Protein backbone atom coordinates (compact mmCIF):
# COMPACT_ATOMS: atom_id res chain seq x y z
CA MET A 1 136.95 105.24 132.56
CA LYS A 2 134.90 102.15 133.35
CA VAL A 3 136.03 99.54 135.88
CA SER A 4 135.07 95.94 136.56
CA VAL A 5 135.70 94.48 140.02
CA CYS A 6 135.53 90.69 139.85
CA GLY A 7 134.97 89.08 143.23
CA CYS A 8 133.18 91.06 145.92
CA GLY A 9 134.00 89.53 149.27
CA VAL A 10 135.36 91.58 152.16
CA LEU A 11 137.97 93.43 150.11
CA GLY A 12 136.34 93.29 146.68
CA SER A 13 133.19 94.91 148.06
CA GLN A 14 135.28 97.72 149.53
CA ILE A 15 137.20 98.24 146.29
CA SER A 16 134.04 98.43 144.18
CA TRP A 17 132.42 100.87 146.62
CA GLN A 18 135.50 103.11 146.79
CA VAL A 19 135.89 103.18 142.99
CA ALA A 20 132.21 104.11 142.56
CA LEU A 21 132.44 106.65 145.39
CA SER A 22 135.33 108.26 143.47
CA GLY A 23 133.11 108.83 140.44
CA PHE A 24 133.81 105.82 138.22
CA GLU A 25 131.24 103.46 136.70
CA VAL A 26 131.74 99.99 138.16
CA ASN A 27 130.55 96.56 137.09
CA VAL A 28 130.61 94.22 140.07
CA TYR A 29 130.93 90.54 139.14
CA GLU A 30 130.23 87.52 141.31
CA VAL A 31 129.79 83.91 140.31
CA ASP A 32 126.23 83.68 141.67
CA GLU A 33 123.35 85.73 143.07
CA LYS A 34 124.23 84.70 146.61
CA GLY A 35 127.60 86.38 146.23
CA LEU A 36 126.02 89.51 144.79
CA GLU A 37 123.50 89.72 147.63
CA ARG A 38 126.36 89.51 150.12
CA CYS A 39 128.13 92.31 148.27
CA LYS A 40 125.00 94.46 148.29
CA ARG A 41 124.73 94.00 152.06
CA PHE A 42 128.32 95.18 152.40
CA HIS A 43 127.52 98.19 150.22
CA GLU A 44 124.47 99.05 152.29
CA ARG A 45 126.73 99.01 155.35
CA TYR A 46 129.23 101.31 153.62
CA SER A 47 126.47 103.69 152.54
CA LYS A 48 125.61 104.19 156.21
CA LEU A 49 129.29 104.60 157.09
CA PHE A 50 129.79 107.28 154.43
CA LYS A 51 126.25 108.68 154.78
CA THR A 52 125.64 108.58 151.03
CA GLU A 53 123.87 106.32 148.54
CA GLU A 54 125.33 108.08 145.51
CA PRO A 55 127.72 105.23 144.55
CA PHE A 56 124.73 102.94 143.92
CA SER A 57 123.94 104.99 140.79
CA ARG A 58 127.31 103.92 139.37
CA LEU A 59 127.29 100.26 140.50
CA VAL A 60 125.97 97.45 138.30
CA TYR A 61 125.79 93.93 139.79
CA LEU A 62 126.29 91.04 137.38
CA THR A 63 126.75 87.26 137.35
CA ASP A 64 127.42 87.20 133.59
CA LEU A 65 131.18 87.60 133.12
CA GLU A 66 130.95 88.70 129.48
CA LYS A 67 128.54 91.50 130.38
CA ALA A 68 130.67 92.45 133.38
CA LEU A 69 133.71 92.89 131.13
CA LYS A 70 132.08 94.67 128.19
CA ASN A 71 133.73 98.02 127.31
CA ILE A 72 135.88 97.93 130.45
CA ASP A 73 139.11 99.93 130.81
CA ILE A 74 140.46 98.32 133.99
CA VAL A 75 139.67 94.92 135.50
CA ILE A 76 140.42 94.35 139.18
CA GLU A 77 140.41 90.64 139.99
CA SER A 78 139.70 90.03 143.67
CA ILE A 79 138.75 86.36 143.91
CA PRO A 80 140.03 83.93 146.62
CA GLU A 81 143.79 83.57 147.10
CA ASP A 82 144.28 80.30 145.23
CA LEU A 83 146.84 80.07 142.41
CA GLU A 84 144.96 77.69 140.10
CA LEU A 85 141.64 79.43 140.71
CA LYS A 86 143.17 82.79 139.81
CA ARG A 87 144.94 81.40 136.76
CA GLY A 88 141.72 79.88 135.44
CA PHE A 89 139.73 83.04 136.07
CA LEU A 90 142.32 85.41 134.59
CA SER A 91 142.51 83.21 131.50
CA ASN A 92 138.74 83.59 131.05
CA VAL A 93 138.98 87.36 131.57
CA SER A 94 141.80 87.61 129.03
CA ASN A 95 139.68 85.77 126.44
CA ILE A 96 136.83 88.27 126.84
CA VAL A 97 138.29 91.77 127.29
CA SER A 98 139.51 94.02 124.50
CA GLU A 99 143.22 94.22 123.74
CA ASN A 100 143.39 97.70 125.32
CA THR A 101 141.97 96.63 128.69
CA ILE A 102 144.31 96.69 131.68
CA ILE A 103 143.99 93.57 133.84
CA THR A 104 145.06 93.72 137.47
CA THR A 105 145.10 91.23 140.32
CA ASN A 106 144.42 92.11 143.94
CA SER A 107 146.37 89.04 145.05
CA SER A 108 147.86 89.47 148.51
CA THR A 109 150.73 87.00 148.17
CA LEU A 110 151.10 85.80 144.56
CA MET A 111 153.48 87.52 142.16
CA PRO A 112 152.38 88.68 138.70
CA THR A 113 154.94 86.33 137.12
CA GLU A 114 153.01 83.37 138.54
CA LEU A 115 149.86 84.54 136.73
CA LYS A 116 150.99 86.36 133.57
CA GLY A 117 151.25 83.20 131.46
CA VAL A 118 147.48 82.89 131.16
CA VAL A 119 147.00 86.51 130.00
CA HIS A 120 147.11 87.20 126.25
CA LYS A 121 148.62 90.67 126.68
CA PRO A 122 151.00 90.26 129.63
CA GLN A 123 152.35 93.77 129.08
CA ARG A 124 148.93 95.05 130.20
CA PHE A 125 148.80 92.87 133.31
CA LEU A 126 150.07 93.71 136.80
CA ALA A 127 149.18 93.63 140.49
CA LEU A 128 147.06 96.27 142.21
CA HIS A 129 146.82 95.25 145.84
CA PHE A 130 144.71 97.02 148.46
CA ALA A 131 144.98 96.93 152.24
CA ASN A 132 141.99 96.35 154.52
CA PRO A 133 139.96 98.43 155.32
CA ILE A 134 140.89 100.51 152.31
CA TRP A 135 139.52 103.84 153.58
CA GLU A 136 141.65 103.63 156.70
CA ALA A 137 144.72 101.87 155.31
CA ASN A 138 144.43 103.67 151.99
CA ILE A 139 147.45 102.31 150.17
CA ALA A 140 147.52 100.58 146.79
CA GLU A 141 150.57 98.47 145.97
CA ILE A 142 151.36 98.44 142.26
CA MET A 143 153.73 95.70 141.13
CA GLY A 144 154.51 94.73 137.58
CA HIS A 145 156.64 91.93 136.12
CA SER A 146 159.38 91.74 133.50
CA GLU A 147 156.98 92.30 130.60
CA THR A 148 154.72 94.98 132.11
CA ASP A 149 154.56 98.13 129.98
CA MET A 150 155.74 101.04 132.17
CA GLU A 151 153.11 103.28 130.57
CA VAL A 152 150.47 100.85 131.84
CA PHE A 153 152.18 100.77 135.24
CA ASP A 154 152.03 104.58 135.41
CA LYS A 155 148.35 104.59 134.39
CA VAL A 156 147.52 102.26 137.26
CA VAL A 157 149.48 104.49 139.65
CA GLU A 158 147.37 107.47 138.53
CA PHE A 159 144.17 105.43 138.81
CA ALA A 160 145.10 104.55 142.39
CA LYS A 161 145.48 108.25 143.17
CA ASP A 162 142.15 109.00 141.47
CA ILE A 163 140.32 106.65 143.84
CA GLY A 164 141.90 108.12 146.96
CA MET A 165 144.73 105.65 147.47
CA GLU A 166 148.38 106.32 148.23
CA PRO A 167 150.31 104.35 145.58
CA ILE A 168 153.18 102.16 146.72
CA LYS A 169 155.28 101.56 143.61
CA ILE A 170 157.10 98.21 143.61
CA TYR A 171 159.76 97.91 140.92
CA LYS A 172 161.00 94.40 141.71
CA GLU A 173 158.71 91.43 142.25
CA GLN A 174 158.45 90.47 145.89
CA ARG A 175 156.23 87.75 147.32
CA GLY A 176 153.99 89.49 149.82
CA TYR A 177 154.64 92.88 148.20
CA VAL A 178 155.64 95.53 150.78
CA LEU A 179 152.83 95.37 153.32
CA ASN A 180 152.37 91.61 153.49
CA SER A 181 156.12 90.99 153.51
CA MET A 182 155.94 92.56 156.96
CA LEU A 183 152.39 91.54 157.92
CA ILE A 184 152.38 87.82 157.12
CA PRO A 185 155.37 86.89 159.34
CA TRP A 186 153.67 88.81 162.17
CA LEU A 187 150.42 86.89 161.69
CA ALA A 188 152.30 83.60 161.30
CA SER A 189 154.14 84.12 164.59
CA ALA A 190 150.82 84.78 166.35
CA GLN A 191 149.31 81.66 164.74
CA HIS A 192 152.26 79.59 165.94
CA LEU A 193 151.82 80.84 169.51
CA TYR A 194 148.11 80.02 169.49
CA PHE A 195 147.95 76.75 167.55
CA SER A 196 150.94 75.27 169.40
CA GLY A 197 149.25 76.03 172.73
CA VAL A 198 151.62 78.72 174.05
CA ALA A 199 148.80 81.21 174.80
CA ASN A 200 145.17 81.82 173.88
CA PHE A 201 144.40 84.24 171.09
CA GLU A 202 142.80 86.81 173.42
CA ASP A 203 145.98 87.14 175.47
CA ILE A 204 148.18 87.28 172.38
CA ASP A 205 146.09 90.17 171.03
CA LYS A 206 145.97 91.81 174.46
CA ALA A 207 149.77 91.74 174.68
CA TRP A 208 150.10 93.40 171.29
CA ILE A 209 147.36 96.01 171.69
CA ILE A 210 148.42 97.16 175.14
CA SER A 211 152.16 97.23 174.48
CA THR A 212 152.05 98.87 171.03
CA LYS A 213 148.93 101.04 171.50
CA SER A 214 147.47 99.49 168.34
CA LYS A 215 143.81 99.29 167.32
CA PHE A 216 144.10 95.58 166.51
CA GLY A 217 146.04 92.52 167.55
CA PRO A 218 146.95 89.82 165.02
CA PHE A 219 143.77 87.77 165.51
CA GLY A 220 141.57 90.85 165.13
CA VAL A 221 143.46 91.56 161.90
CA MET A 222 142.88 87.99 160.71
CA ASP A 223 139.14 88.37 161.32
CA LEU A 224 139.23 91.59 159.32
CA ILE A 225 141.13 90.01 156.41
CA GLY A 226 138.78 87.01 156.47
CA LEU A 227 139.62 83.48 157.57
CA ARG A 228 139.13 82.04 154.07
CA THR A 229 142.07 84.15 152.93
CA ILE A 230 144.09 83.19 156.02
CA TYR A 231 143.37 79.51 155.34
CA ASN A 232 144.39 79.81 151.68
CA VAL A 233 147.66 81.57 152.57
CA VAL A 234 148.54 78.97 155.23
CA LEU A 235 147.68 76.09 152.90
CA MET A 236 149.70 77.63 150.06
CA ASP A 237 152.72 78.00 152.36
CA ALA A 238 152.24 74.43 153.58
CA LYS A 239 152.32 73.10 150.00
CA ARG A 240 155.33 75.23 149.12
CA THR A 241 157.37 74.18 152.17
CA ASN A 242 155.84 70.71 152.80
CA SER A 243 155.56 71.72 156.47
CA LYS A 244 153.57 69.34 158.67
CA GLU A 245 152.96 72.16 161.16
CA LEU A 246 151.41 74.34 158.47
CA PHE A 247 149.29 71.49 157.05
CA ASP A 248 148.00 70.80 160.57
CA ARG A 249 147.33 74.51 161.09
CA ALA A 250 145.38 74.77 157.83
CA LYS A 251 143.33 71.71 158.84
CA ARG A 252 142.44 73.28 162.19
CA ILE A 253 141.47 76.61 160.60
CA LYS A 254 139.19 74.74 158.20
CA GLU A 255 137.59 72.54 160.85
CA GLU A 256 137.31 75.09 163.66
CA PHE A 257 136.32 78.12 161.60
CA LEU A 258 135.49 77.66 157.90
CA ASP A 259 133.39 74.52 158.34
CA LYS A 260 131.41 76.28 161.07
CA GLY A 261 130.79 79.41 158.99
CA LYS A 262 133.06 81.52 161.20
CA LEU A 263 134.77 83.55 158.49
CA GLY A 264 135.55 86.69 160.47
CA VAL A 265 133.99 90.14 160.41
CA GLU A 266 131.97 89.37 157.27
CA THR A 267 129.91 86.66 159.03
CA GLY A 268 129.86 88.26 162.47
CA GLU A 269 132.18 85.70 164.03
CA GLY A 270 135.72 84.46 163.59
CA PHE A 271 138.11 84.38 166.48
CA TYR A 272 135.89 87.11 167.97
CA LYS A 273 132.18 87.92 167.79
CA TYR A 274 131.10 91.15 166.07
CA PRO A 275 130.15 94.01 165.99
CA ASN A 276 131.66 94.45 169.47
CA PRO A 277 134.76 92.23 169.71
CA SER A 278 136.11 91.79 173.23
CA TYR A 279 139.57 93.14 172.34
CA GLU A 280 138.14 96.66 171.94
CA LYS A 281 138.25 97.18 175.71
CA TYR A 282 142.06 97.23 175.54
CA VAL A 283 142.22 99.83 172.76
CA LYS A 284 143.03 103.30 174.09
């Protein structure tokens, strides 16, 4: 089986590495060389973490989408969380791949029904969502839609097992899937506390880490997810609800973080500075 991972940011780079580590040939696609170089840096970091360079023999880095999708069995789309961007990209993918290719989206909040209309074979399209970091939170949420072929659904479940994930089978479409249906309200409540001036983010994380004995507080988690994704989710919710508070929050995230290159763990700074964020001193 040959896999193409399209989009290799924080999560896409992990997915492509894990798939290659599990023995599959992987084409990694990014829109430009800058994106590929970033992905390669991530992979170098993972090679040190896993103490192996073997996956590199199965990884091919490409900026040509047609080449990246040639003779592919499964496509994993992992581009930014923006509905129109994903729809446009999945339409292009659908025009290139063979009719037997399974197309999946790693969307964290969008439902397959919102995307299936641009795919020529919707019965072979579904969601395959990973948590972050995938080798610690090794779940894969598989969610189809009304037209998804159950044989295809089952194949993706088996693929998830083959790459070391614990499949979470979702039989009814749910915005946020299982994990993010619980996670996003938690992050949103922390954002409200911080952006409305109730408490600073360090104290909010401290309260959570100390009281729940967790490894991360909500702002550490946001840095791990990546603040581009956080911004896109907040903006999407703002547009859906027409909430002034959420539009203002999205504006602040853009101005205070994205515009300054503070994207989270991937750039070495978000809410915290890395590799040694200050919240670690509260982790027991």
